[in-house]
Amino acid sequence: MLIHGAWLTPSAWDRFRQRYEAAGMTVVAPAWPWLDRPVDELRRAPDPRLARLGLREITDHYAALIAAMPHPPILIGHSFGGLVVQLLADRGLGAAAVAIDPTPPFGVPVHPLALWSSLGVFTAFNGWNRVLRMRAASFATGFAQTLPEAEKLYAWEKFIVPTPGRIFFQAALGIGSRVRWDNPDRPPLMLIAGARDCTVPAPMVRGAYRRHLRSPAVTAFHEFPGRSHWLCNEDGWEEVADRALSWARTAAGR
């Protein structure tokens, strides 16, 4: 199960999904509530209910989907999807979990770069109750700054959609974003960082990793040099996809 992050839809997983299916895997990539429409429709007219969507509702949504599956799936999430993966793992769900450039659970200090990249969210008027949009300039400088200049606008138009501002405040305040760091019952967990990530800088991912080590469950960390927050779709994404799946299959005993 692939879980996308804020500002994105399951289309951001198309490359991973196709690669995994070609390897014989069964893959699902469900959307967050109110985001199961084409990108152009979401950009033009996002569902107003999206403004009230919170972390707990997103996590419950995926927990219900997992409960309906015949076997516990491998969970792979990116960014806020990586936080959701950690929250699901904390509930004991999934055979193994991989969080890529993940928003950390509550309790990990915020890196100055992360504060800079998210400043527009936290200064938006009434951001708690609004659907927010990412500007092309923010995508180009803080989300996918390692992309060639000629590709940045295309990627922003192809993938980036409005997202609920509420989830950012909840992550910062610990509302629905807490885990039991010493939880012995969670599945194996790997955290993956991009060394040049400005949205969730590698030191934040390492900080979450160190806290997860309090659990006796298997915990792993890997950092990809030269990669931004867009590492699942920039050059070398195949290496990220393969490392995530290979580790997860081994950890899950598959």
C-alpha atoms as a PDB file:
ATOM      1  CA  MET A   1       0.000   0.000   0.000  1.00  0.00           C
ATOM      2  CA  LEU A   2       1.438   3.345  -1.136  1.00  0.00           C
ATOM      3  CA  ILE A   3       0.323   6.425   0.822  1.00  0.00           C
ATOM      4  CA  HIS A   4       0.851   9.857  -0.706  1.00  0.00           C
ATOM      5  CA  GLY A   5       1.567  13.045   1.179  1.00  0.00           C
ATOM      6  CA  ALA A   6       0.253  16.598   1.339  1.00  0.00           C
ATOM      7  CA  TRP A   7      -0.072  18.542  -1.933  1.00  0.00           C
ATOM      8  CA  LEU A   8      -0.166  15.250  -3.882  1.00  0.00           C
ATOM      9  CA  THR A   9      -2.491  12.473  -5.053  1.00  0.00           C
ATOM     10  CA  PRO A  10      -1.860   8.777  -5.839  1.00  0.00           C
ATOM     11  CA  SER A  11      -0.605   9.854  -9.281  1.00  0.00           C
ATOM     12  CA  ALA A  12       2.681  10.744  -7.584  1.00  0.00           C
ATOM     13  CA  TRP A  13       3.179   6.997  -7.044  1.00  0.00           C
ATOM     14  CA  ASP A  14       2.679   5.978 -10.697  1.00  0.00           C
ATOM     15  CA  ARG A  15       6.352   5.188 -11.249  1.00  0.00           C
ATOM     16  CA  PHE A  16       6.671   3.148  -8.041  1.00  0.00           C
ATOM     17  CA  ARG A  17       3.393   1.338  -8.706  1.00  0.00           C
ATOM     18  CA  GLN A  18       4.324   0.366 -12.255  1.00  0.00           C
ATOM     19  CA  ARG A  19       7.780  -0.791 -11.180  1.00  0.00           C
ATOM     20  CA  TYR A  20       6.398  -2.893  -8.331  1.00  0.00           C
ATOM     21  CA  GLU A  21       3.663  -4.397 -10.487  1.00  0.00           C
ATOM     22  CA  ALA A  22       6.243  -5.315 -13.114  1.00  0.00           C
ATOM     23  CA  ALA A  23       8.042  -7.204 -10.333  1.00  0.00           C
ATOM     24  CA  GLY A  24       4.884  -9.197  -9.630  1.00  0.00           C
ATOM     25  CA  MET A  25       3.601  -7.242  -6.641  1.00  0.00           C
ATOM     26  CA  THR A  26      -0.035  -6.379  -6.030  1.00  0.00           C
ATOM     27  CA  VAL A  27      -0.121  -2.637  -5.379  1.00  0.00           C
ATOM     28  CA  VAL A  28      -2.813  -0.284  -4.099  1.00  0.00           C
ATOM     29  CA  ALA A  29      -2.397   3.483  -3.778  1.00  0.00           C
ATOM     30  CA  PRO A  30      -5.613   4.869  -2.286  1.00  0.00           C
ATOM     31  CA  ALA A  31      -6.232   8.601  -2.145  1.00  0.00           C
ATOM     32  CA  TRP A  32      -6.848  10.607   0.990  1.00  0.00           C
ATOM     33  CA  PRO A  33     -10.522  11.401   1.544  1.00  0.00           C
ATOM     34  CA  TRP A  34     -11.828  13.995  -0.936  1.00  0.00           C
ATOM     35  CA  LEU A  35      -8.761  13.632  -3.180  1.00  0.00           C
ATOM     36  CA  ASP A  36      -9.919  10.738  -5.363  1.00  0.00           C
ATOM     37  CA  ARG A  37     -10.355  12.862  -8.492  1.00  0.00           C
ATOM     38  CA  PRO A  38      -8.073  13.850 -11.395  1.00  0.00           C
ATOM     39  CA  VAL A  39      -5.406  16.421 -10.616  1.00  0.00           C
ATOM     40  CA  ASP A  40      -6.823  19.042 -12.986  1.00  0.00           C
ATOM     41  CA  GLU A  41     -10.244  18.851 -11.272  1.00  0.00           C
ATOM     42  CA  LEU A  42      -8.711  19.130  -7.821  1.00  0.00           C
ATOM     43  CA  ARG A  43      -6.668  22.146  -8.875  1.00  0.00           C
ATOM     44  CA  ARG A  44      -9.695  23.829 -10.368  1.00  0.00           C
ATOM     45  CA  ALA A  45     -12.266  23.081  -7.648  1.00  0.00           C
ATOM     46  CA  PRO A  46     -11.111  21.200  -4.526  1.00  0.00           C
ATOM     47  CA  ASP A  47     -13.827  19.635  -2.405  1.00  0.00           C
ATOM     48  CA  PRO A  48     -14.676  22.112   0.409  1.00  0.00           C
ATOM     49  CA  ARG A  49     -14.752  19.218   2.897  1.00  0.00           C
ATOM     50  CA  LEU A  50     -10.992  18.942   2.411  1.00  0.00           C
ATOM     51  CA  ALA A  51     -10.584  22.037   4.589  1.00  0.00           C
ATOM     52  CA  ARG A  52     -11.732  20.083   7.655  1.00  0.00           C
ATOM     53  CA  LEU A  53      -9.709  16.934   7.005  1.00  0.00           C
ATOM     54  CA  GLY A  54      -7.375  16.047   9.865  1.00  0.00           C
ATOM     55  CA  LEU A  55      -4.612  13.571  10.578  1.00  0.00           C
ATOM     56  CA  ARG A  56      -6.798  11.239  12.615  1.00  0.00           C
ATOM     57  CA  GLU A  57      -9.374  11.019   9.823  1.00  0.00           C
ATOM     58  CA  ILE A  58      -6.663  10.274   7.256  1.00  0.00           C
ATOM     59  CA  THR A  59      -5.112   7.593   9.460  1.00  0.00           C
ATOM     60  CA  ASP A  60      -8.505   6.035  10.238  1.00  0.00           C
ATOM     61  CA  HIS A  61      -9.274   6.007   6.503  1.00  0.00           C
ATOM     62  CA  TYR A  62      -6.203   3.899   5.735  1.00  0.00           C
ATOM     63  CA  ALA A  63      -6.677   1.719   8.817  1.00  0.00           C
ATOM     64  CA  ALA A  64     -10.132   0.766   7.549  1.00  0.00           C
ATOM     65  CA  LEU A  65      -8.738  -0.096   4.120  1.00  0.00           C
ATOM     66  CA  ILE A  66      -6.018  -2.255   5.696  1.00  0.00           C
ATOM     67  CA  ALA A  67      -8.586  -4.045   7.873  1.00  0.00           C
ATOM     68  CA  ALA A  68     -10.476  -5.069   4.726  1.00  0.00           C
ATOM     69  CA  MET A  69      -7.379  -6.615   3.099  1.00  0.00           C
ATOM     70  CA  PRO A  70      -6.791 -10.394   3.282  1.00  0.00           C
ATOM     71  CA  HIS A  71      -3.212  -9.990   4.542  1.00  0.00           C
ATOM     72  CA  PRO A  72      -1.286  -7.201   6.284  1.00  0.00           C
ATOM     73  CA  PRO A  73       0.296  -5.120   3.508  1.00  0.00           C
ATOM     74  CA  ILE A  74       3.695  -3.534   3.269  1.00  0.00           C
ATOM     75  CA  LEU A  75       3.153   0.180   3.895  1.00  0.00           C
ATOM     76  CA  ILE A  76       5.192   2.806   2.043  1.00  0.00           C
ATOM     77  CA  GLY A  77       4.470   6.493   2.549  1.00  0.00           C
ATOM     78  CA  HIS A  78       6.034   9.777   1.480  1.00  0.00           C
ATOM     79  CA  SER A  79       6.102  13.072   3.418  1.00  0.00           C
ATOM     80  CA  PHE A  80       2.815  13.378   5.348  1.00  0.00           C
ATOM     81  CA  GLY A  81       2.081   9.917   3.991  1.00  0.00           C
ATOM     82  CA  GLY A  82       5.216   8.838   5.832  1.00  0.00           C
ATOM     83  CA  LEU A  83       3.761  10.238   9.040  1.00  0.00           C
ATOM     84  CA  VAL A  84       0.544   8.314   8.382  1.00  0.00           C
ATOM     85  CA  VAL A  85       2.632   5.149   7.888  1.00  0.00           C
ATOM     86  CA  GLN A  86       4.268   5.708  11.283  1.00  0.00           C
ATOM     87  CA  LEU A  87       0.862   6.267  12.899  1.00  0.00           C
ATOM     88  CA  LEU A  88      -0.507   3.084  11.319  1.00  0.00           C
ATOM     89  CA  ALA A  89       2.566   1.123  12.405  1.00  0.00           C
ATOM     90  CA  ASP A  90       2.053   2.441  15.939  1.00  0.00           C
ATOM     91  CA  ARG A  91      -1.394   0.795  15.814  1.00  0.00           C
ATOM     92  CA  GLY A  92       0.316  -2.493  14.914  1.00  0.00           C
ATOM     93  CA  LEU A  93      -0.857  -2.370  11.300  1.00  0.00           C
ATOM     94  CA  GLY A  94       1.148  -3.515   8.292  1.00  0.00           C
ATOM     95  CA  ALA A  95       3.673  -6.300   7.756  1.00  0.00           C
ATOM     96  CA  ALA A  96       6.485  -3.740   7.428  1.00  0.00           C
ATOM     97  CA  ALA A  97       6.561   0.029   7.022  1.00  0.00           C
ATOM     98  CA  VAL A  98       8.754   2.445   5.068  1.00  0.00           C
ATOM     99  CA  ALA A  99       8.497   6.213   5.592  1.00  0.00           C
ATOM    100  CA  ILE A 100      10.206   8.291   2.883  1.00  0.00           C
ATOM    101  CA  ASP A 101      11.143  11.894   3.742  1.00  0.00           C
ATOM    102  CA  PRO A 102       8.479  11.596   6.427  1.00  0.00           C
ATOM    103  CA  THR A 103       6.930  14.312   8.511  1.00  0.00           C
ATOM    104  CA  PRO A 104       8.008  13.157  11.969  1.00  0.00           C
ATOM    105  CA  PRO A 105       5.614  12.301  14.776  1.00  0.00           C
ATOM    106  CA  PHE A 106       5.248  14.899  17.517  1.00  0.00           C
ATOM    107  CA  GLY A 107       8.338  15.354  19.649  1.00  0.00           C
ATOM    108  CA  VAL A 108      11.070  15.765  17.021  1.00  0.00           C
ATOM    109  CA  PRO A 109      12.564  19.299  16.951  1.00  0.00           C
ATOM    110  CA  VAL A 110      11.803  21.306  13.831  1.00  0.00           C
ATOM    111  CA  HIS A 111      14.784  22.073  11.614  1.00  0.00           C
ATOM    112  CA  PRO A 112      15.127  25.736  10.502  1.00  0.00           C
ATOM    113  CA  LEU A 113      14.911  24.695   6.831  1.00  0.00           C
ATOM    114  CA  ALA A 114      11.573  22.952   7.481  1.00  0.00           C
ATOM    115  CA  LEU A 115      10.283  26.082   9.183  1.00  0.00           C
ATOM    116  CA  TRP A 116      11.367  28.193   6.230  1.00  0.00           C
ATOM    117  CA  SER A 117       9.783  25.886   3.653  1.00  0.00           C
ATOM    118  CA  SER A 118       6.452  25.745   5.511  1.00  0.00           C
ATOM    119  CA  LEU A 119       6.292  29.417   6.517  1.00  0.00           C
ATOM    120  CA  GLY A 120       3.590  30.147   3.948  1.00  0.00           C
ATOM    121  CA  VAL A 121       1.332  27.518   5.504  1.00  0.00           C
ATOM    122  CA  PHE A 122       1.642  28.750   9.065  1.00  0.00           C
ATOM    123  CA  THR A 123       1.226  32.410   8.119  1.00  0.00           C
ATOM    124  CA  ALA A 124      -1.828  31.825   5.893  1.00  0.00           C
ATOM    125  CA  PHE A 125      -4.896  33.597   7.249  1.00  0.00           C
ATOM    126  CA  ASN A 126      -7.206  31.086   8.970  1.00  0.00           C
ATOM    127  CA  GLY A 127      -5.017  28.281   7.657  1.00  0.00           C
ATOM    128  CA  TRP A 128      -6.522  25.816  10.160  1.00  0.00           C
ATOM    129  CA  ASN A 129      -9.865  25.970   8.358  1.00  0.00           C
ATOM    130  CA  ARG A 130      -8.760  26.397   4.763  1.00  0.00           C
ATOM    131  CA  VAL A 131      -7.689  24.422   1.735  1.00  0.00           C
ATOM    132  CA  LEU A 132      -4.258  25.773   0.871  1.00  0.00           C
ATOM    133  CA  ARG A 133      -2.386  25.916  -2.416  1.00  0.00           C
ATOM    134  CA  MET A 134       1.334  25.612  -3.066  1.00  0.00           C
ATOM    135  CA  ARG A 135       2.848  28.283  -5.272  1.00  0.00           C
ATOM    136  CA  ALA A 136       5.046  27.199  -8.168  1.00  0.00           C
ATOM    137  CA  ALA A 137       7.931  29.162  -6.657  1.00  0.00           C
ATOM    138  CA  SER A 138       7.631  27.253  -3.371  1.00  0.00           C
ATOM    139  CA  PHE A 139       7.663  23.948  -5.216  1.00  0.00           C
ATOM    140  CA  ALA A 140      10.725  24.996  -7.198  1.00  0.00           C
ATOM    141  CA  THR A 141      12.777  26.160  -4.212  1.00  0.00           C
ATOM    142  CA  GLY A 142      11.661  24.039  -1.259  1.00  0.00           C
ATOM    143  CA  PHE A 143      10.028  20.871  -2.554  1.00  0.00           C
ATOM    144  CA  ALA A 144      11.865  19.908  -5.746  1.00  0.00           C
ATOM    145  CA  GLN A 145      14.858  22.239  -5.938  1.00  0.00           C
ATOM    146  CA  THR A 146      17.087  19.525  -7.409  1.00  0.00           C
ATOM    147  CA  LEU A 147      14.940  19.140 -10.536  1.00  0.00           C
ATOM    148  CA  PRO A 148      16.283  20.737 -13.714  1.00  0.00           C
ATOM    149  CA  GLU A 149      14.759  24.195 -14.140  1.00  0.00           C
ATOM    150  CA  ALA A 150      12.988  23.138 -17.335  1.00  0.00           C
ATOM    151  CA  GLU A 151      11.084  20.411 -15.450  1.00  0.00           C
ATOM    152  CA  LYS A 152       9.929  22.279 -12.349  1.00  0.00           C
ATOM    153  CA  LEU A 153       6.857  24.024 -13.747  1.00  0.00           C
ATOM    154  CA  TYR A 154       5.747  20.882 -15.585  1.00  0.00           C
ATOM    155  CA  ALA A 155       5.992  18.792 -12.398  1.00  0.00           C
ATOM    156  CA  TRP A 156       4.119  21.428 -10.362  1.00  0.00           C
ATOM    157  CA  GLU A 157       1.268  21.514 -12.880  1.00  0.00           C
ATOM    158  CA  LYS A 158       1.168  17.725 -13.253  1.00  0.00           C
ATOM    159  CA  PHE A 159       1.235  16.692  -9.600  1.00  0.00           C
ATOM    160  CA  ILE A 160       0.580  19.481  -7.091  1.00  0.00           C
ATOM    161  CA  VAL A 161      -2.958  19.939  -5.746  1.00  0.00           C
ATOM    162  CA  PRO A 162      -4.550  21.887  -2.856  1.00  0.00           C
ATOM    163  CA  THR A 163      -4.221  20.355   0.600  1.00  0.00           C
ATOM    164  CA  PRO A 164      -5.796  20.856   4.054  1.00  0.00           C
ATOM    165  CA  GLY A 165      -3.928  23.421   6.143  1.00  0.00           C
ATOM    166  CA  ARG A 166      -5.229  21.784   9.311  1.00  0.00           C
ATOM    167  CA  ILE A 167      -2.847  18.824   9.152  1.00  0.00           C
ATOM    168  CA  PHE A 168       0.244  21.050   9.425  1.00  0.00           C
ATOM    169  CA  PHE A 169      -1.010  22.652  12.620  1.00  0.00           C
ATOM    170  CA  GLN A 170      -1.995  19.269  14.025  1.00  0.00           C
ATOM    171  CA  ALA A 171       1.455  17.824  13.324  1.00  0.00           C
ATOM    172  CA  ALA A 172       3.093  20.781  15.064  1.00  0.00           C
ATOM    173  CA  LEU A 173       0.751  20.670  18.075  1.00  0.00           C
ATOM    174  CA  GLY A 174       0.700  16.911  18.561  1.00  0.00           C
ATOM    175  CA  ILE A 175      -2.978  16.525  17.632  1.00  0.00           C
ATOM    176  CA  GLY A 176      -3.269  13.052  16.136  1.00  0.00           C
ATOM    177  CA  SER A 177       0.477  13.015  15.404  1.00  0.00           C
ATOM    178  CA  ARG A 178       1.867  11.188  18.444  1.00  0.00           C
ATOM    179  CA  VAL A 179       3.312   7.666  18.559  1.00  0.00           C
ATOM    180  CA  ARG A 180       4.632   5.487  21.360  1.00  0.00           C
ATOM    181  CA  TRP A 181       8.325   5.592  20.583  1.00  0.00           C
ATOM    182  CA  ASP A 182       8.979   2.464  22.668  1.00  0.00           C
ATOM    183  CA  ASN A 183       6.038   0.515  21.224  1.00  0.00           C
ATOM    184  CA  PRO A 184       7.096  -3.168  21.122  1.00  0.00           C
ATOM    185  CA  ASP A 185       4.144  -4.171  18.970  1.00  0.00           C
ATOM    186  CA  ARG A 186       4.759  -2.128  15.843  1.00  0.00           C
ATOM    187  CA  PRO A 187       6.003  -3.787  12.634  1.00  0.00           C
ATOM    188  CA  PRO A 188       9.537  -3.283  11.270  1.00  0.00           C
ATOM    189  CA  LEU A 189      10.071   0.324  10.224  1.00  0.00           C
ATOM    190  CA  MET A 190      12.567   1.990   7.894  1.00  0.00           C
ATOM    191  CA  LEU A 191      12.972   5.762   7.606  1.00  0.00           C
ATOM    192  CA  ILE A 192      14.457   7.170   4.385  1.00  0.00           C
ATOM    193  CA  ALA A 193      15.853  10.699   4.099  1.00  0.00           C
ATOM    194  CA  GLY A 194      17.002  12.881   1.220  1.00  0.00           C
ATOM    195  CA  ALA A 195      20.229  14.682   2.046  1.00  0.00           C
ATOM    196  CA  ARG A 196      19.099  17.892   0.294  1.00  0.00           C
ATOM    197  CA  ASP A 197      15.476  17.815   1.453  1.00  0.00           C
ATOM    198  CA  CYS A 198      14.325  21.287   2.549  1.00  0.00           C
ATOM    199  CA  THR A 199      10.780  20.270   3.477  1.00  0.00           C
ATOM    200  CA  VAL A 200      11.703  17.497   5.927  1.00  0.00           C
ATOM    201  CA  PRO A 201      15.479  17.862   6.296  1.00  0.00           C
ATOM    202  CA  ALA A 202      17.518  14.741   6.957  1.00  0.00           C
ATOM    203  CA  PRO A 203      18.333  15.759  10.569  1.00  0.00           C
ATOM    204  CA  MET A 204      14.600  15.602  11.372  1.00  0.00           C
ATOM    205  CA  VAL A 205      14.328  12.127   9.860  1.00  0.00           C
ATOM    206  CA  ARG A 206      17.371  11.001  11.839  1.00  0.00           C
ATOM    207  CA  GLY A 207      15.798  12.503  14.956  1.00  0.00           C
ATOM    208  CA  ALA A 208      12.669  10.402  14.457  1.00  0.00           C
ATOM    209  CA  TYR A 209      14.833   7.337  13.776  1.00  0.00           C
ATOM    210  CA  ARG A 210      16.704   7.751  17.059  1.00  0.00           C
ATOM    211  CA  ARG A 211      13.421   7.942  18.941  1.00  0.00           C
ATOM    212  CA  HIS A 212      12.002   4.878  17.174  1.00  0.00           C
ATOM    213  CA  LEU A 213      15.092   2.965  18.326  1.00  0.00           C
ATOM    214  CA  ARG A 214      13.542   2.937  21.798  1.00  0.00           C
ATOM    215  CA  SER A 215      11.280   0.182  20.476  1.00  0.00           C
ATOM    216  CA  PRO A 216      12.606  -3.412  20.387  1.00  0.00           C
ATOM    217  CA  ALA A 217      11.024  -3.752  16.937  1.00  0.00           C
ATOM    218  CA  VAL A 218      13.312  -3.679  13.895  1.00  0.00           C
ATOM    219  CA  THR A 219      14.181  -0.095  12.955  1.00  0.00           C
ATOM    220  CA  ALA A 220      16.344   1.047  10.034  1.00  0.00           C
ATOM    221  CA  PHE A 221      17.509   4.281   8.416  1.00  0.00           C
ATOM    222  CA  HIS A 222      18.884   5.177   5.001  1.00  0.00           C
ATOM    223  CA  GLU A 223      19.898   8.531   3.536  1.00  0.00           C
ATOM    224  CA  PHE A 224      20.156   9.192  -0.198  1.00  0.00           C
ATOM    225  CA  PRO A 225      22.777  11.828  -1.054  1.00  0.00           C
ATOM    226  CA  GLY A 226      21.848  14.712  -3.318  1.00  0.00           C
ATOM    227  CA  ARG A 227      18.085  14.063  -3.152  1.00  0.00           C
ATOM    228  CA  SER A 228      15.331  16.577  -2.440  1.00  0.00           C
ATOM    229  CA  HIS A 229      11.840  16.061  -1.052  1.00  0.00           C
ATOM    230  CA  TRP A 230      10.889  15.029  -4.597  1.00  0.00           C
ATOM    231  CA  LEU A 231      13.128  11.961  -4.487  1.00  0.00           C
ATOM    232  CA  CYS A 232      10.303   9.596  -5.492  1.00  0.00           C
ATOM    233  CA  ASN A 233      10.062  11.307  -8.876  1.00  0.00           C
ATOM    234  CA  GLU A 234      13.455  12.853  -9.582  1.00  0.00           C
ATOM    235  CA  ASP A 235      16.437  11.190 -11.256  1.00  0.00           C
ATOM    236  CA  GLY A 236      17.361   8.032  -9.390  1.00  0.00           C
ATOM    237  CA  TRP A 237      13.854   7.350  -8.107  1.00  0.00           C
ATOM    238  CA  GLU A 238      14.309   3.695  -9.094  1.00  0.00           C
ATOM    239  CA  GLU A 239      17.004   3.321  -6.431  1.00  0.00           C
ATOM    240  CA  VAL A 240      14.630   4.707  -3.806  1.00  0.00           C
ATOM    241  CA  ALA A 241      11.810   2.416  -4.923  1.00  0.00           C
ATOM    242  CA  ASP A 242      14.021  -0.664  -4.937  1.00  0.00           C
ATOM    243  CA  ARG A 243      15.640   0.058  -1.568  1.00  0.00           C
ATOM    244  CA  ALA A 244      12.228   0.570   0.067  1.00  0.00           C
ATOM    245  CA  LEU A 245      10.685  -2.597  -1.349  1.00  0.00           C
ATOM    246  CA  SER A 246      13.716  -4.825  -0.893  1.00  0.00           C
ATOM    247  CA  TRP A 247      14.119  -3.862   2.750  1.00  0.00           C
ATOM    248  CA  ALA A 248      10.385  -4.156   3.462  1.00  0.00           C
ATOM    249  CA  ARG A 249      10.051  -7.602   1.859  1.00  0.00           C
ATOM    250  CA  THR A 250      12.981  -8.906   3.867  1.00  0.00           C
ATOM    251  CA  ALA A 251      11.724  -7.344   7.092  1.00  0.00           C
ATOM    252  CA  ALA A 252       8.249  -8.752   6.499  1.00  0.00           C
ATOM    253  CA  GLY A 253       9.650 -12.218   5.786  1.00  0.00           C
ATOM    254  CA  ARG A 254       8.467 -12.271   2.187  1.00  0.00           C
END
